[in-house]
N, C-alpha and C. Protein backbone atom coordinates (compact mmCIF):
# COMPACT_ATOMS: atom_id res chain seq x y z
N MET A 1 1.17 -1.28 -0.04
CA MET A 1 0.14 -0.05 0.05
C MET A 1 0.95 1.44 0.08
N SER A 2 0.49 2.33 -0.56
CA SER A 2 1.36 3.49 -0.86
C SER A 2 1.14 4.39 0.69
N THR A 3 2.13 5.28 0.49
CA THR A 3 2.16 6.14 1.96
C THR A 3 0.86 6.92 1.44
N ALA A 4 0.43 7.39 0.62
CA ALA A 4 -0.62 8.12 0.28
C ALA A 4 -2.03 7.47 0.74
N GLY A 5 -1.83 6.27 0.74
CA GLY A 5 -3.12 5.62 1.31
C GLY A 5 -3.13 5.37 3.03
N HIS A 6 -1.79 5.56 3.41
CA HIS A 6 -1.63 5.43 4.86
C HIS A 6 -1.99 7.13 5.45
N GLU A 7 -2.15 7.89 4.53
CA GLU A 7 -2.16 9.39 5.06
C GLU A 7 -3.81 9.54 5.05
N HIS A 8 -4.60 9.17 3.85
CA HIS A 8 -6.05 9.73 3.79
C HIS A 8 -6.46 8.47 3.57
N GLU A 9 -7.98 8.46 3.92
CA GLU A 9 -8.80 7.33 3.91
C GLU A 9 -10.08 8.03 3.20
N LEU A 10 -10.88 7.23 2.27
CA LEU A 10 -11.94 7.57 1.68
C LEU A 10 -13.07 7.43 2.27
N GLY A 11 -14.10 8.54 2.42
CA GLY A 11 -15.40 8.13 3.23
C GLY A 11 -15.17 8.33 4.71
N THR A 12 -16.12 8.77 5.23
CA THR A 12 -16.33 9.30 6.59
C THR A 12 -17.52 8.56 7.46
N GLY A 13 -17.74 6.89 6.96
CA GLY A 13 -18.74 6.27 7.46
C GLY A 13 -18.30 5.74 8.88
N ARG A 14 -17.00 5.20 9.03
CA ARG A 14 -16.60 4.86 10.23
C ARG A 14 -16.87 5.81 11.48
N ILE A 15 -16.45 7.15 10.87
CA ILE A 15 -16.36 8.19 11.88
C ILE A 15 -17.94 8.78 12.26
N GLU A 16 -18.63 8.29 11.26
CA GLU A 16 -20.06 8.73 11.70
C GLU A 16 -20.86 8.06 12.60
N ALA A 17 -20.26 6.58 12.25
CA ALA A 17 -21.14 5.29 13.11
C ALA A 17 -20.25 5.58 14.65
N PHE A 18 -19.14 5.57 14.83
CA PHE A 18 -18.57 5.95 16.18
C PHE A 18 -19.23 7.15 16.57
N SER A 19 -19.40 8.12 16.17
CA SER A 19 -19.82 9.28 16.53
C SER A 19 -21.49 9.28 17.12
N ASP A 20 -21.96 8.59 16.03
CA ASP A 20 -23.71 8.34 16.76
C ASP A 20 -23.42 7.64 18.29
N GLY A 21 -22.55 6.66 18.41
CA GLY A 21 -22.41 6.17 19.76
C GLY A 21 -22.62 7.03 20.65
N VAL A 22 -21.26 7.96 20.51
CA VAL A 22 -21.00 8.87 21.54
C VAL A 22 -22.32 9.77 21.71
N PHE A 23 -23.15 10.18 20.85
CA PHE A 23 -24.03 10.91 20.90
C PHE A 23 -25.41 10.47 21.88
N ALA A 24 -25.53 9.04 21.54
CA ALA A 24 -26.57 8.55 22.19
C ALA A 24 -26.23 7.87 23.29
N ILE A 25 -25.15 8.06 23.88
CA ILE A 25 -24.51 7.85 25.42
C ILE A 25 -24.62 9.13 26.05
N ALA A 26 -24.23 10.11 25.36
CA ALA A 26 -24.45 11.53 26.22
C ALA A 26 -25.70 11.80 26.20
N ILE A 27 -26.44 11.91 25.23
CA ILE A 27 -27.85 12.28 25.58
C ILE A 27 -28.90 11.34 26.77
N THR A 28 -28.73 9.97 26.48
CA THR A 28 -29.06 9.14 27.79
C THR A 28 -28.60 9.66 29.11
N LEU A 29 -27.30 9.99 29.22
CA LEU A 29 -26.83 10.17 30.63
C LEU A 29 -27.75 11.37 31.02
N LEU A 30 -28.36 12.34 30.25
CA LEU A 30 -28.94 13.52 30.86
C LEU A 30 -30.05 13.20 31.70
N ILE A 31 -30.90 11.90 31.36
CA ILE A 31 -31.96 11.62 32.23
C ILE A 31 -31.41 11.12 33.00
N ILE A 32 -30.80 10.45 33.23
CA ILE A 32 -30.18 9.74 34.53
C ILE A 32 -30.01 10.81 35.84
N GLU A 33 -29.35 11.88 35.47
CA GLU A 33 -29.10 12.76 36.65
C GLU A 33 -30.56 13.33 36.94
N ILE A 34 -31.47 13.12 36.48
CA ILE A 34 -32.84 13.63 37.09
C ILE A 34 -33.45 12.41 38.10
N ALA A 35 -33.27 12.85 39.44
CA ALA A 35 -33.56 11.83 40.60
C ALA A 35 -34.83 11.78 40.68
N VAL A 36 -35.22 10.65 40.95
CA VAL A 36 -36.90 10.73 41.70
C VAL A 36 -37.01 11.24 42.94
N PRO A 37 -37.96 12.33 42.94
CA PRO A 37 -37.72 12.99 44.34
C PRO A 37 -38.45 12.02 45.44
N HIS A 38 -38.19 12.19 46.90
CA HIS A 38 -38.57 11.52 47.81
C HIS A 38 -39.48 12.52 48.82
N VAL A 39 -40.49 12.20 49.34
CA VAL A 39 -41.73 12.75 49.84
C VAL A 39 -41.76 12.04 51.34
N GLN A 40 -41.98 12.70 52.37
CA GLN A 40 -42.32 12.21 53.37
C GLN A 40 -43.47 12.90 54.13
N GLY A 41 -44.28 12.19 55.03
CA GLY A 41 -45.16 12.87 55.78
C GLY A 41 -46.22 13.61 54.89
N GLY A 42 -46.56 14.50 54.92
CA GLY A 42 -47.68 15.26 54.69
C GLY A 42 -47.04 16.25 53.15
N ASP A 43 -46.19 16.06 52.72
CA ASP A 43 -45.13 16.75 51.73
C ASP A 43 -46.05 16.05 50.50
N SER A 44 -46.23 17.39 49.47
CA SER A 44 -47.10 16.87 48.22
C SER A 44 -45.79 16.43 47.32
N LEU A 45 -46.21 15.51 46.57
CA LEU A 45 -45.54 14.75 45.32
C LEU A 45 -45.22 15.85 44.41
N GLY A 46 -46.53 16.24 43.96
CA GLY A 46 -46.67 17.38 42.95
C GLY A 46 -45.82 18.66 43.17
N ASP A 47 -45.51 18.99 44.41
CA ASP A 47 -44.87 20.17 44.55
C ASP A 47 -43.49 19.87 44.91
N ALA A 48 -43.11 18.15 44.89
CA ALA A 48 -41.76 18.11 44.87
C ALA A 48 -41.11 18.07 43.43
N LEU A 49 -42.17 17.42 42.34
CA LEU A 49 -42.20 17.36 41.03
C LEU A 49 -41.39 18.93 40.87
N ALA A 50 -42.36 19.85 40.84
CA ALA A 50 -42.51 21.20 40.58
C ALA A 50 -41.10 21.73 40.87
N ASP A 51 -40.64 21.73 41.94
CA ASP A 51 -39.48 21.85 42.63
C ASP A 51 -38.08 21.61 41.93
N GLN A 52 -38.30 20.57 40.81
CA GLN A 52 -36.84 20.05 40.29
C GLN A 52 -37.14 20.65 38.73
N TRP A 53 -38.06 22.02 38.51
CA TRP A 53 -37.98 22.83 37.33
C TRP A 53 -36.49 22.76 36.65
N PRO A 54 -35.29 23.33 37.77
CA PRO A 54 -33.94 23.37 37.39
C PRO A 54 -33.61 22.14 36.38
N SER A 55 -34.03 21.11 36.90
CA SER A 55 -33.59 19.86 36.18
C SER A 55 -34.14 19.61 34.75
N TYR A 56 -35.53 20.07 34.78
CA TYR A 56 -36.01 19.83 33.60
C TYR A 56 -35.71 20.81 32.82
N PHE A 57 -35.25 22.08 33.16
CA PHE A 57 -34.94 22.94 32.15
C PHE A 57 -33.52 22.70 31.45
N ALA A 58 -32.63 22.21 32.41
CA ALA A 58 -31.24 21.84 31.94
C ALA A 58 -31.22 20.46 31.14
N TYR A 59 -32.17 19.76 31.44
CA TYR A 59 -32.08 18.43 30.47
C TYR A 59 -32.65 19.12 29.24
N VAL A 60 -33.57 19.61 29.19
CA VAL A 60 -34.27 20.17 27.55
C VAL A 60 -33.26 20.82 26.88
N LEU A 61 -32.61 21.80 27.37
CA LEU A 61 -31.69 22.59 26.78
C LEU A 61 -30.72 21.77 26.47
N SER A 62 -30.12 20.83 27.26
CA SER A 62 -28.92 20.09 26.71
C SER A 62 -29.18 19.06 25.79
N PHE A 63 -30.46 18.20 25.92
CA PHE A 63 -30.72 17.58 24.96
C PHE A 63 -31.05 17.97 23.63
N VAL A 64 -31.46 19.07 23.59
CA VAL A 64 -31.78 19.73 22.11
C VAL A 64 -30.27 19.92 21.61
N THR A 65 -29.57 20.73 22.23
CA THR A 65 -28.37 21.06 21.92
C THR A 65 -27.53 20.06 21.38
N ILE A 66 -27.25 18.77 22.27
CA ILE A 66 -26.66 17.93 21.37
C ILE A 66 -27.68 16.99 20.46
N GLY A 67 -28.74 17.10 20.34
CA GLY A 67 -29.85 16.67 19.19
C GLY A 67 -29.73 17.19 17.95
N ILE A 68 -29.35 18.63 18.31
CA ILE A 68 -29.05 19.62 16.94
C ILE A 68 -27.49 19.13 16.58
N TYR A 69 -26.31 18.93 17.35
CA TYR A 69 -25.19 18.81 16.96
C TYR A 69 -25.24 17.40 16.14
N TRP A 70 -25.91 16.09 16.74
CA TRP A 70 -26.11 14.87 16.20
C TRP A 70 -26.80 15.08 14.46
N ALA A 71 -27.56 15.83 14.39
CA ALA A 71 -28.38 15.89 13.41
C ALA A 71 -27.50 16.75 12.15
N ASN A 72 -26.92 17.92 12.77
CA ASN A 72 -26.11 18.56 12.08
C ASN A 72 -24.83 17.94 11.51
N HIS A 73 -24.43 17.09 12.62
CA HIS A 73 -23.03 16.12 12.28
C HIS A 73 -23.26 15.44 11.07
N HIS A 74 -23.90 14.95 10.51
CA HIS A 74 -24.50 14.15 9.58
C HIS A 74 -24.28 14.80 8.04
N SER A 75 -25.05 16.08 8.32
CA SER A 75 -25.07 16.65 6.94
C SER A 75 -23.61 17.59 6.91
N PHE A 76 -23.38 17.84 8.11
CA PHE A 76 -22.08 18.34 7.93
C PHE A 76 -20.64 17.60 7.35
N PHE A 77 -20.81 16.06 7.74
CA PHE A 77 -19.63 14.93 7.27
C PHE A 77 -19.80 14.71 6.01
N ARG A 78 -21.12 15.27 5.24
CA ARG A 78 -21.11 15.08 3.50
C ARG A 78 -20.40 16.12 3.01
N LEU A 79 -20.02 16.63 3.45
CA LEU A 79 -18.99 17.98 3.05
C LEU A 79 -17.53 17.38 2.62
N PHE A 80 -17.07 16.18 3.31
CA PHE A 80 -15.71 15.89 3.54
C PHE A 80 -15.76 14.74 2.42
N LEU A 81 -14.82 14.59 2.00
CA LEU A 81 -14.51 13.36 0.90
C LEU A 81 -13.62 12.47 1.40
N ARG A 82 -12.67 13.23 2.24
CA ARG A 82 -11.39 12.28 2.73
C ARG A 82 -11.41 12.25 4.20
N THR A 83 -10.62 11.51 4.76
CA THR A 83 -10.11 11.91 6.47
C THR A 83 -8.75 11.41 6.65
N ASP A 84 -8.04 12.24 7.55
CA ASP A 84 -6.70 11.63 8.03
C ASP A 84 -6.85 11.55 9.40
N HIS A 85 -5.24 11.33 10.06
CA HIS A 85 -5.33 11.01 11.21
C HIS A 85 -5.76 12.16 12.33
N THR A 86 -5.15 13.43 11.65
CA THR A 86 -5.50 14.68 12.50
C THR A 86 -6.90 14.83 12.22
N PHE A 87 -7.61 14.68 11.51
CA PHE A 87 -9.18 14.95 11.34
C PHE A 87 -9.84 14.06 12.28
N LEU A 88 -9.49 12.70 12.59
CA LEU A 88 -10.12 12.26 13.34
C LEU A 88 -9.63 12.42 14.60
N MET A 89 -8.55 12.78 15.48
CA MET A 89 -8.37 13.31 16.49
C MET A 89 -9.23 14.75 16.81
N LEU A 90 -9.51 15.63 15.97
CA LEU A 90 -9.66 16.62 15.99
C LEU A 90 -11.72 16.18 16.24
N ASN A 91 -11.92 15.13 15.46
CA ASN A 91 -13.20 14.82 15.66
C ASN A 91 -13.80 13.84 17.05
N VAL A 92 -12.32 13.45 17.43
CA VAL A 92 -12.70 12.85 18.75
C VAL A 92 -12.66 13.81 19.98
N PHE A 93 -11.76 15.05 19.87
CA PHE A 93 -12.13 16.17 20.74
C PHE A 93 -13.32 16.36 20.80
N PHE A 94 -13.75 16.81 19.79
CA PHE A 94 -15.19 17.36 19.53
C PHE A 94 -16.21 16.51 20.22
N LEU A 95 -15.98 14.83 20.04
CA LEU A 95 -17.15 13.96 20.90
C LEU A 95 -16.67 14.15 22.36
N MET A 96 -15.64 14.54 22.75
CA MET A 96 -15.06 14.62 24.13
C MET A 96 -15.89 15.73 24.65
N CYS A 97 -16.29 16.66 23.93
CA CYS A 97 -16.90 18.12 24.67
C CYS A 97 -18.20 17.82 24.79
N ILE A 98 -18.95 16.92 23.72
CA ILE A 98 -20.23 16.38 23.57
C ILE A 98 -20.37 15.59 25.02
N ALA A 99 -19.57 14.53 25.29
CA ALA A 99 -19.74 13.84 26.39
C ALA A 99 -19.61 14.33 27.69
N PHE A 100 -18.89 15.35 27.74
CA PHE A 100 -18.63 16.30 28.94
C PHE A 100 -20.16 16.87 29.50
N LEU A 101 -21.02 17.29 28.40
CA LEU A 101 -22.02 18.20 29.06
C LEU A 101 -22.70 17.72 29.66
N PRO A 102 -23.16 16.36 29.96
CA PRO A 102 -24.04 16.01 31.13
C PRO A 102 -23.69 16.33 32.56
N PHE A 103 -22.37 16.42 32.87
CA PHE A 103 -21.59 17.37 33.96
C PHE A 103 -22.30 18.47 34.19
N PRO A 104 -21.99 19.34 33.68
CA PRO A 104 -22.39 20.68 33.81
C PRO A 104 -23.54 20.59 33.95
N THR A 105 -24.54 20.04 32.97
CA THR A 105 -26.11 20.08 32.60
C THR A 105 -26.46 19.86 34.60
N ALA A 106 -25.88 18.72 35.04
CA ALA A 106 -26.20 18.44 36.31
C ALA A 106 -25.76 19.39 37.49
N VAL A 107 -24.64 20.11 36.92
CA VAL A 107 -24.54 21.11 38.20
C VAL A 107 -25.45 22.03 38.24
N LEU A 108 -25.50 22.87 36.64
CA LEU A 108 -26.71 23.59 36.69
C LEU A 108 -27.98 23.43 37.43
N ALA A 109 -28.33 22.27 37.18
CA ALA A 109 -29.73 21.70 37.72
C ALA A 109 -29.71 21.57 39.24
N GLU A 110 -28.47 21.42 39.67
CA GLU A 110 -28.25 21.50 41.23
C GLU A 110 -28.44 22.77 41.81
N TYR A 111 -27.52 23.63 41.17
CA TYR A 111 -27.45 25.16 41.80
C TYR A 111 -28.08 26.08 41.46
N LEU A 112 -29.15 26.15 40.35
CA LEU A 112 -29.33 27.14 39.56
C LEU A 112 -30.52 27.68 40.65
N GLN A 113 -30.81 27.07 41.48
CA GLN A 113 -31.85 27.88 42.83
C GLN A 113 -31.14 28.36 43.88
N ASP A 114 -29.72 28.34 43.95
CA ASP A 114 -28.69 28.26 44.77
C ASP A 114 -28.10 29.82 44.49
N ALA A 115 -28.37 30.57 45.35
CA ALA A 115 -28.16 32.34 45.17
C ALA A 115 -26.40 32.31 45.33
N GLU A 116 -25.82 31.73 46.13
CA GLU A 116 -24.46 31.72 46.11
C GLU A 116 -23.78 30.95 45.27
N HIS A 117 -24.42 29.96 44.39
CA HIS A 117 -23.37 29.15 43.69
C HIS A 117 -23.93 29.28 42.23
N ARG A 118 -24.92 29.92 41.93
CA ARG A 118 -25.62 29.73 40.60
C ARG A 118 -24.78 30.54 39.67
N ASP A 119 -24.23 31.56 39.70
CA ASP A 119 -23.69 32.40 38.83
C ASP A 119 -22.29 31.00 38.42
N THR A 120 -21.65 30.58 39.27
CA THR A 120 -20.45 29.46 38.91
C THR A 120 -21.01 28.46 37.89
N ALA A 121 -22.46 27.99 38.29
CA ALA A 121 -23.06 26.78 37.90
C ALA A 121 -23.29 26.97 36.32
N THR A 122 -23.62 28.55 36.05
CA THR A 122 -24.09 28.84 34.82
C THR A 122 -22.79 28.90 34.16
N THR A 123 -21.89 29.84 34.45
CA THR A 123 -20.80 29.90 33.68
C THR A 123 -19.90 28.78 33.36
N LEU A 124 -20.11 27.59 34.09
CA LEU A 124 -19.54 26.31 33.79
C LEU A 124 -20.39 25.75 32.69
N TYR A 125 -21.42 26.01 32.58
CA TYR A 125 -22.55 25.73 31.66
C TYR A 125 -22.25 26.12 30.32
N ALA A 126 -22.42 27.67 30.44
CA ALA A 126 -21.88 28.41 29.39
C ALA A 126 -20.64 27.62 28.61
N PHE A 127 -19.68 27.69 29.23
CA PHE A 127 -18.36 27.14 29.06
C PHE A 127 -18.75 25.69 28.18
N ALA A 128 -19.19 25.10 28.83
CA ALA A 128 -19.46 23.87 28.35
C ALA A 128 -20.36 24.01 27.05
N LEU A 129 -20.87 24.47 26.88
CA LEU A 129 -21.72 24.83 25.35
C LEU A 129 -20.81 25.38 24.35
N LEU A 130 -19.58 26.05 24.85
CA LEU A 130 -18.71 26.63 23.96
C LEU A 130 -17.53 25.73 23.47
N LEU A 131 -17.41 24.65 24.44
CA LEU A 131 -16.32 23.72 24.15
C LEU A 131 -16.76 22.96 22.66
N PRO A 132 -18.11 22.41 22.54
CA PRO A 132 -18.58 21.87 21.55
C PRO A 132 -18.20 23.19 19.94
N ALA A 133 -18.57 24.13 20.11
CA ALA A 133 -18.68 24.95 18.92
C ALA A 133 -17.11 25.21 18.71
N VAL A 134 -16.07 25.23 19.83
CA VAL A 134 -14.81 25.38 19.37
C VAL A 134 -14.45 24.27 18.61
N SER A 135 -14.62 23.02 19.13
CA SER A 135 -14.06 21.76 18.65
C SER A 135 -14.29 21.55 17.27
N TRP A 136 -15.69 22.22 17.31
CA TRP A 136 -16.72 21.63 15.79
C TRP A 136 -15.81 22.42 14.68
N PHE A 137 -15.52 23.80 15.18
CA PHE A 137 -15.16 25.15 14.12
C PHE A 137 -13.47 24.16 13.92
N ALA A 138 -12.95 23.76 14.70
CA ALA A 138 -11.42 23.03 14.59
C ALA A 138 -11.62 22.10 13.71
N VAL A 139 -12.39 21.24 13.81
CA VAL A 139 -12.81 20.15 12.70
C VAL A 139 -12.96 20.71 11.07
N TRP A 140 -13.93 21.76 11.09
CA TRP A 140 -14.08 22.19 9.92
C TRP A 140 -12.83 23.26 9.37
N LEU A 141 -12.24 23.92 10.04
CA LEU A 141 -11.16 24.61 10.07
C LEU A 141 -9.99 23.74 9.19
N TYR A 142 -9.66 22.68 10.04
CA TYR A 142 -8.74 21.88 9.27
C TYR A 142 -8.90 21.18 8.13
N GLY A 143 -10.27 20.59 7.96
CA GLY A 143 -10.55 20.21 6.77
C GLY A 143 -10.74 21.11 5.67
N SER A 144 -11.12 22.13 5.75
CA SER A 144 -11.58 22.93 4.78
C SER A 144 -10.36 23.81 4.24
N LEU A 145 -9.38 24.33 5.14
CA LEU A 145 -8.56 24.93 4.30
C LEU A 145 -7.59 24.29 3.52
N GLY A 146 -7.83 25.32 2.22
CA GLY A 146 -6.87 24.81 1.24
C GLY A 146 -7.89 23.67 0.41
N THR A 147 -9.37 23.35 0.92
CA THR A 147 -9.94 22.23 0.25
C THR A 147 -9.28 20.92 0.64
N ARG A 148 -8.36 20.82 2.07
CA ARG A 148 -7.64 19.70 2.17
C ARG A 148 -8.47 18.45 2.50
N LEU A 149 -9.64 18.39 2.85
CA LEU A 149 -10.40 16.94 2.88
C LEU A 149 -12.07 17.26 2.42
N ILE A 150 -12.26 18.55 2.15
CA ILE A 150 -13.62 18.85 1.76
C ILE A 150 -13.78 18.49 0.20
N ASP A 151 -14.95 18.56 -0.37
CA ASP A 151 -15.45 18.38 -1.44
C ASP A 151 -15.18 19.69 -2.36
N GLU A 152 -13.85 19.63 -3.23
CA GLU A 152 -13.45 20.55 -4.18
C GLU A 152 -14.12 21.59 -5.03
N ARG A 153 -15.70 20.68 -5.26
CA ARG A 153 -16.71 21.53 -5.91
C ARG A 153 -17.27 22.57 -5.10
N LEU A 154 -17.14 22.60 -3.77
CA LEU A 154 -18.02 23.26 -2.65
C LEU A 154 -17.49 25.11 -3.47
N ALA A 155 -18.56 25.63 -3.31
CA ALA A 155 -18.50 27.12 -3.99
C ALA A 155 -17.58 27.73 -2.78
N PRO A 156 -16.74 28.51 -3.07
CA PRO A 156 -15.77 29.51 -2.39
C PRO A 156 -16.56 30.13 -1.31
N ALA A 157 -18.02 30.87 -1.83
CA ALA A 157 -18.77 31.69 -0.87
C ALA A 157 -19.34 31.09 0.06
N PHE A 158 -19.60 29.56 -0.18
CA PHE A 158 -20.34 28.82 0.93
C PHE A 158 -19.32 28.36 1.75
N VAL A 159 -18.28 28.11 1.78
CA VAL A 159 -17.14 27.53 2.48
C VAL A 159 -16.91 28.63 3.50
N ARG A 160 -16.88 29.97 2.97
CA ARG A 160 -16.67 31.21 3.89
C ARG A 160 -17.77 31.21 4.73
N PHE A 161 -19.17 31.03 4.12
CA PHE A 161 -20.37 31.38 5.11
C PHE A 161 -20.52 30.26 6.18
N LEU A 162 -19.90 29.17 6.08
CA LEU A 162 -19.86 28.23 7.07
C LEU A 162 -18.67 28.81 8.30
N THR A 163 -17.73 29.15 7.49
CA THR A 163 -16.58 29.51 8.77
C THR A 163 -16.78 31.05 9.34
N TRP A 164 -17.33 31.85 8.71
CA TRP A 164 -17.88 32.83 9.60
C TRP A 164 -19.20 32.40 10.75
N GLN A 165 -20.11 31.58 10.36
CA GLN A 165 -21.34 31.27 10.98
C GLN A 165 -20.54 30.20 12.50
N TYR A 166 -19.44 29.42 12.27
CA TYR A 166 -19.24 29.17 13.11
C TYR A 166 -18.45 29.97 14.16
N VAL A 167 -17.59 31.00 13.36
CA VAL A 167 -16.83 31.84 14.00
C VAL A 167 -17.99 32.84 14.97
N ALA A 168 -18.82 33.27 14.67
CA ALA A 168 -20.22 33.75 14.95
C ALA A 168 -20.64 33.27 16.66
N SER A 169 -20.59 31.77 16.23
CA SER A 169 -21.25 30.68 17.34
C SER A 169 -20.53 30.83 18.16
N ILE A 170 -18.95 30.64 18.20
CA ILE A 170 -18.03 30.56 19.36
C ILE A 170 -18.27 32.03 20.07
N SER A 171 -18.32 33.19 19.29
CA SER A 171 -18.37 34.48 19.87
C SER A 171 -19.78 34.61 20.74
N ILE A 172 -20.61 33.97 20.29
CA ILE A 172 -21.85 34.20 21.29
C ILE A 172 -21.91 33.27 22.49
N TYR A 173 -21.44 32.20 22.11
CA TYR A 173 -21.25 31.30 23.44
C TYR A 173 -20.45 31.99 24.27
N ALA A 174 -19.13 32.52 23.67
CA ALA A 174 -18.13 32.93 24.68
C ALA A 174 -18.83 34.51 25.50
N THR A 175 -19.79 34.81 24.42
CA THR A 175 -20.58 36.02 25.38
C THR A 175 -21.37 35.68 26.54
N ALA A 176 -22.23 34.75 26.23
CA ALA A 176 -22.69 33.90 27.52
C ALA A 176 -21.95 33.52 28.44
N MET A 177 -20.74 33.19 28.47
CA MET A 177 -20.42 32.74 29.43
C MET A 177 -19.51 34.28 30.25
N LEU A 178 -19.15 34.93 29.58
CA LEU A 178 -19.06 36.26 30.26
C LEU A 178 -19.99 37.03 30.90
N VAL A 179 -21.39 36.99 30.16
CA VAL A 179 -22.34 37.68 30.51
C VAL A 179 -22.75 36.92 32.09
N SER A 180 -22.62 36.03 32.25
CA SER A 180 -23.26 34.75 33.36
C SER A 180 -22.31 35.24 34.57
N LEU A 181 -21.19 36.06 34.43
CA LEU A 181 -20.60 36.55 35.71
C LEU A 181 -21.51 37.88 36.30
N VAL A 182 -22.18 38.31 35.21
CA VAL A 182 -23.07 39.67 35.88
C VAL A 182 -24.62 39.09 35.79
N SER A 183 -25.22 38.25 34.92
CA SER A 183 -26.70 38.26 34.91
C SER A 183 -26.85 36.51 34.39
N VAL A 184 -27.47 35.73 35.47
CA VAL A 184 -27.79 34.37 35.18
C VAL A 184 -28.90 34.02 33.79
N VAL A 185 -29.80 34.89 34.15
CA VAL A 185 -30.78 34.97 33.45
C VAL A 185 -30.79 35.16 32.00
N ALA A 186 -29.78 36.35 31.69
CA ALA A 186 -29.22 36.82 30.52
C ALA A 186 -28.27 36.06 29.67
N ALA A 187 -27.56 35.27 30.61
CA ALA A 187 -26.72 34.03 29.80
C ALA A 187 -27.42 33.25 29.79
N LEU A 188 -28.40 32.55 30.40
CA LEU A 188 -29.31 31.42 29.88
C LEU A 188 -30.06 31.85 28.66
N ALA A 189 -30.63 32.79 28.62
CA ALA A 189 -31.36 33.54 27.50
C ALA A 189 -30.67 33.29 26.17
N ILE A 190 -29.41 34.04 26.30
CA ILE A 190 -28.57 33.90 25.07
C ILE A 190 -28.22 32.36 24.57
N CYS A 191 -28.04 31.27 25.67
CA CYS A 191 -27.81 29.77 25.11
C CYS A 191 -29.07 29.22 24.56
N VAL A 192 -30.18 29.79 25.02
CA VAL A 192 -31.47 29.14 24.86
C VAL A 192 -31.74 29.83 23.26
N ALA A 193 -31.20 31.04 23.11
CA ALA A 193 -31.72 31.76 21.51
C ALA A 193 -30.72 31.26 20.64
N ILE A 194 -29.34 31.07 20.87
CA ILE A 194 -28.49 30.30 19.69
C ILE A 194 -28.78 28.76 19.43
N THR A 195 -29.55 28.23 20.67
CA THR A 195 -30.06 26.79 20.07
C THR A 195 -31.18 26.80 19.40
N GLY A 196 -32.23 27.65 19.72
CA GLY A 196 -33.10 27.74 19.07
C GLY A 196 -33.20 28.31 17.33
N LEU A 197 -32.02 28.94 17.30
CA LEU A 197 -31.65 29.18 15.87
C LEU A 197 -31.05 28.09 15.11
N TYR A 198 -30.49 26.93 15.75
CA TYR A 198 -29.85 26.06 15.42
C TYR A 198 -30.87 24.89 14.91
N VAL A 199 -31.82 24.92 15.68
CA VAL A 199 -33.43 24.08 15.15
C VAL A 199 -33.64 24.05 13.90
N PHE A 200 -33.53 25.30 13.36
CA PHE A 200 -33.61 25.30 11.74
C PHE A 200 -32.94 24.78 11.16
N PRO A 201 -33.12 23.69 9.83
CA PRO A 201 -32.03 23.11 8.88
C PRO A 201 -31.02 24.16 8.22
N PRO A 202 -29.88 23.32 8.33
CA PRO A 202 -28.70 24.06 8.05
C PRO A 202 -28.70 24.64 6.39
N ARG A 203 -27.99 25.61 6.06
CA ARG A 203 -27.97 26.11 4.55
C ARG A 203 -27.62 24.86 3.38
N ARG A 204 -28.44 24.71 2.50
CA ARG A 204 -27.84 23.50 1.57
C ARG A 204 -26.44 23.84 0.97
N PRO A 205 -25.82 23.08 0.83
CA PRO A 205 -24.30 23.30 0.15
C PRO A 205 -24.47 23.64 -1.24
N GLN A 206 -23.57 24.86 -1.47
CA GLN A 206 -23.39 25.36 -3.04
C GLN A 206 -22.22 24.79 -3.29
N TYR A 207 -22.20 24.34 -4.96
CA TYR A 207 -21.30 23.83 -5.61
C TYR A 207 -21.02 24.84 -6.59
N VAL A 208 -19.66 25.05 -7.23
CA VAL A 208 -19.24 25.49 -8.53
C VAL A 208 -19.80 25.10 -9.55
N THR A 209 -20.54 25.55 -10.43
CA THR A 209 -21.18 24.93 -11.60
C THR A 209 -20.07 25.01 -12.84
């Protein structure tokens, strides 16, 4: 086998299959963190369930976020025709960031109603949302520079659009992390807003005719 064969592999099927497994585990761990409330005496189960609203909020936001990354991961990887070792390792880093999300989600749920610690919990959560955005951009930047691994037929304007879109996402999540030092509500509103934007289908690829 030639040296070039060792450096580049055709297709991204194995990467997507492995990534799907990580997404599935991470998204499942989110619900495990929500504990069944224990009521004693004359306490109301309904009230106990209602008191867990931070857990439901954190669960839904993180579930939707991971789900969006999973959905976009498939269309994203259709833009790449080849892979190499560095590309694989960058995707592993991205998956590590995804797998990390259940932990800050649990921290946010636990301390969102704690006046003393909710700022720190929110900052950690915003940082955890920033990490996948940064690692996703790293995967894209490595594969797209000089059309190293992406489809050479992709229109340069479309490639630039995606690059700036990912830079904007990083900037917004970084802003949310900084805002969390001042206002928990504003920071979480930013996180919810950007998640809501990515619910819409991604832009269709454009090719040079």
